[in-house]
């Protein structure tokens, strides 16, 4: 009885040898950068939530309470956010909040409404810092800044400056 030689065995083994390098290229050039881009989007969304919560509370509070560095707008809301949703944001430091007031439009009773403006700045790090030695790309291997600002009419115009 004659033995048959299997020549197709060698041709199938080549694909297994190429699987490892292909997987490394796929992870380094596609998967990890995609995770970092998604973390930038998540960080922006969560910083917007922080800004919206601060703005809502600042529109209800007197300006002395809203501008207090240890008050609810400047300290308590960012601390609660950092212990809750802010856990998903890799922060560098604490959020910085700038509060300002301006005159708005006149209403039907000829009263000028007051508008509060909150600007929140958070410096974030990427979720998976990629080791790119030649460039510092914000969001991929370097920190990036998220700056969100919004305005809202005061509930009681007498509370503004």
Protein backbone atom coordinates (compact mmCIF):
# COMPACT_ATOMS: atom_id res chain seq x y z
CA UNK A 1 0.00 0.00 0.00
CA UNK A 2 1.32 3.30 -1.03
CA UNK A 3 1.24 6.28 1.35
CA UNK A 4 -0.24 9.47 0.05
CA UNK A 5 1.56 12.63 0.77
CA UNK A 6 -0.45 15.56 2.14
CA UNK A 7 0.82 18.66 0.43
CA UNK A 8 -2.06 20.89 1.46
CA UNK A 9 -0.94 20.74 5.11
CA UNK A 10 1.82 23.28 4.61
CA UNK A 11 -0.37 25.77 2.81
CA UNK A 12 -2.90 25.86 5.67
CA UNK A 13 -0.25 26.47 8.34
CA UNK A 14 0.82 29.78 6.85
CA UNK A 15 -2.37 31.55 7.91
CA UNK A 16 -1.79 30.59 11.53
CA UNK A 17 1.69 32.08 11.42
CA UNK A 18 0.28 35.39 10.17
CA UNK A 19 -2.51 35.54 12.75
CA UNK A 20 -0.31 36.85 15.61
CA UNK A 21 1.15 39.87 13.80
CA UNK A 22 -2.21 40.66 12.24
CA UNK A 23 -3.83 40.63 15.69
CA UNK A 24 -1.16 42.97 17.07
CA UNK A 25 -1.64 45.41 14.19
CA UNK A 26 -5.40 45.27 14.64
CA UNK A 27 -5.18 45.98 18.38
CA UNK A 28 -2.54 48.73 18.27
CA UNK A 29 -3.74 50.63 15.22
CA UNK A 30 -7.53 50.18 15.44
CA UNK A 31 -8.90 48.88 18.75
CA UNK A 32 -6.93 50.94 21.31
CA UNK A 33 -7.26 54.26 19.40
CA UNK A 34 -10.99 53.59 19.02
CA UNK A 35 -11.29 53.05 22.79
CA UNK A 36 -9.46 56.35 23.37
CA UNK A 37 -11.73 58.23 20.95
CA UNK A 38 -14.79 56.79 22.70
CA UNK A 39 -13.35 57.82 26.09
CA UNK A 40 -12.96 61.41 24.78
CA UNK A 41 -16.64 61.39 23.78
CA UNK A 42 -17.66 59.94 27.15
CA UNK A 43 -15.56 62.52 29.00
CA UNK A 44 -17.18 65.37 27.05
CA UNK A 45 -20.67 64.05 27.77
CA UNK A 46 -20.01 63.61 31.49
CA UNK A 47 -18.43 67.07 31.76
CA UNK A 48 -21.54 68.48 30.08
CA UNK A 49 -23.66 66.80 32.78
CA UNK A 50 -21.50 68.44 35.46
CA UNK A 51 -21.85 71.86 33.81
CA UNK A 52 -25.63 71.48 33.45
CA UNK A 53 -26.03 70.55 37.13
CA UNK A 54 -23.92 73.51 38.24
CA UNK A 55 -25.83 75.87 35.96
CA UNK A 56 -29.20 74.73 37.24
CA UNK A 57 -28.17 75.22 40.85
CA UNK A 58 -26.52 78.59 40.15
CA UNK A 59 -29.73 79.88 38.57
CA UNK A 60 -31.58 79.18 41.83
CA UNK A 61 -28.99 80.41 44.37
CA UNK A 62 -28.10 83.98 45.39
CA UNK A 63 -24.82 85.08 43.80
CA UNK A 64 -23.00 85.09 47.17
CA UNK A 65 -23.84 81.41 47.72
CA UNK A 66 -23.13 80.45 44.11
CA UNK A 67 -19.71 82.16 44.09
CA UNK A 68 -18.65 80.65 47.43
CA UNK A 69 -15.61 78.38 46.83
CA UNK A 70 -16.95 75.92 49.42
CA UNK A 71 -20.57 76.26 48.33
CA UNK A 72 -22.84 73.90 46.47
CA UNK A 73 -22.01 75.14 42.93
CA UNK A 74 -18.23 75.32 43.21
CA UNK A 75 -17.47 72.43 45.59
CA UNK A 76 -20.35 70.11 46.47
CA UNK A 77 -21.67 69.38 42.97
CA UNK A 78 -18.18 68.71 41.48
CA UNK A 79 -17.32 66.48 44.46
CA UNK A 80 -20.55 64.49 44.12
CA UNK A 81 -19.99 64.25 40.35
CA UNK A 82 -16.40 63.02 40.84
CA UNK A 83 -17.63 60.30 43.21
CA UNK A 84 -20.43 59.27 40.84
CA UNK A 85 -20.33 59.77 37.07
CA UNK A 86 -16.91 61.39 37.22
CA UNK A 87 -15.34 58.03 38.01
CA UNK A 88 -15.53 57.25 34.31
CA UNK A 89 -13.43 60.33 33.49
CA UNK A 90 -9.69 60.02 34.12
CA UNK A 91 -9.17 63.52 35.53
CA UNK A 92 -5.91 65.38 36.11
CA UNK A 93 -6.83 67.48 39.12
CA UNK A 94 -10.21 68.92 39.96
CA UNK A 95 -12.75 70.66 37.71
CA UNK A 96 -12.36 74.44 37.49
CA UNK A 97 -15.57 76.49 37.45
CA UNK A 98 -15.95 80.14 36.42
CA UNK A 99 -19.21 81.89 37.29
CA UNK A 100 -20.43 85.17 35.74
CA UNK A 101 -23.64 87.18 35.41
CA UNK A 102 -24.93 89.49 32.68
CA UNK A 103 -28.08 91.40 31.80
CA UNK A 104 -30.52 89.64 29.51
CA UNK A 105 -33.53 90.86 27.60
CA UNK A 106 -36.50 92.80 28.96
CA UNK A 107 -39.69 90.96 29.78
CA UNK A 108 -43.26 92.24 29.41
CA UNK A 109 -43.13 94.19 32.70
CA UNK A 110 -40.05 96.15 31.49
CA UNK A 111 -37.79 94.29 33.90
CA UNK A 112 -34.34 93.24 32.73
CA UNK A 113 -33.72 89.56 33.35
CA UNK A 114 -30.35 88.39 34.64
CA UNK A 115 -28.45 85.54 33.00
CA UNK A 116 -25.94 83.31 34.77
CA UNK A 117 -23.06 81.74 32.86
CA UNK A 118 -21.03 78.76 34.06
CA UNK A 119 -17.81 77.63 32.38
CA UNK A 120 -16.44 74.29 33.55
CA UNK A 121 -12.95 73.13 32.59
CA UNK A 122 -11.73 69.58 33.21
CA UNK A 123 -8.30 68.25 32.19
CA UNK A 124 -8.63 64.56 31.29
CA UNK A 125 -6.25 61.74 30.42
CA UNK A 126 -6.87 59.10 27.73
CA UNK A 127 -8.34 55.78 28.83
CA UNK A 128 -5.45 53.76 27.37
CA UNK A 129 -2.38 55.96 26.80
CA UNK A 130 -0.71 54.70 23.63
CA UNK A 131 3.10 54.59 23.54
CA UNK A 132 3.74 56.89 20.57
CA UNK A 133 7.28 58.22 21.10
CA UNK A 134 7.40 60.81 18.31
CA UNK A 135 4.24 62.82 19.02
CA UNK A 136 2.08 63.91 21.93
CA UNK A 137 -1.46 63.58 20.60
CA UNK A 138 -4.18 64.82 22.98
CA UNK A 139 -6.69 62.06 23.59
CA UNK A 140 -4.42 59.24 22.38
CA UNK A 141 -1.27 59.54 24.49
CA UNK A 142 -1.55 62.97 26.11
CA UNK A 143 -4.00 64.87 28.31
CA UNK A 144 -6.83 66.82 26.72
CA UNK A 145 -8.95 69.67 28.04
CA UNK A 146 -12.74 69.65 28.05
CA UNK A 147 -14.23 73.14 28.39
CA UNK A 148 -18.02 73.45 28.55
CA UNK A 149 -19.98 76.65 29.06
CA UNK A 150 -23.69 77.37 29.21
CA UNK A 151 -26.07 80.19 30.12
CA UNK A 152 -29.46 80.25 31.79
CA UNK A 153 -31.85 82.94 32.98
CA UNK A 154 -31.97 83.44 36.73
CA UNK A 155 -35.12 82.24 38.46
CA UNK A 156 -35.05 85.32 40.69
CA UNK A 157 -33.25 88.30 39.10
CA UNK A 158 -32.68 89.85 42.54
CA UNK A 159 -30.22 87.03 43.31
CA UNK A 160 -27.78 88.18 40.60
CA UNK A 161 -25.12 90.84 41.04
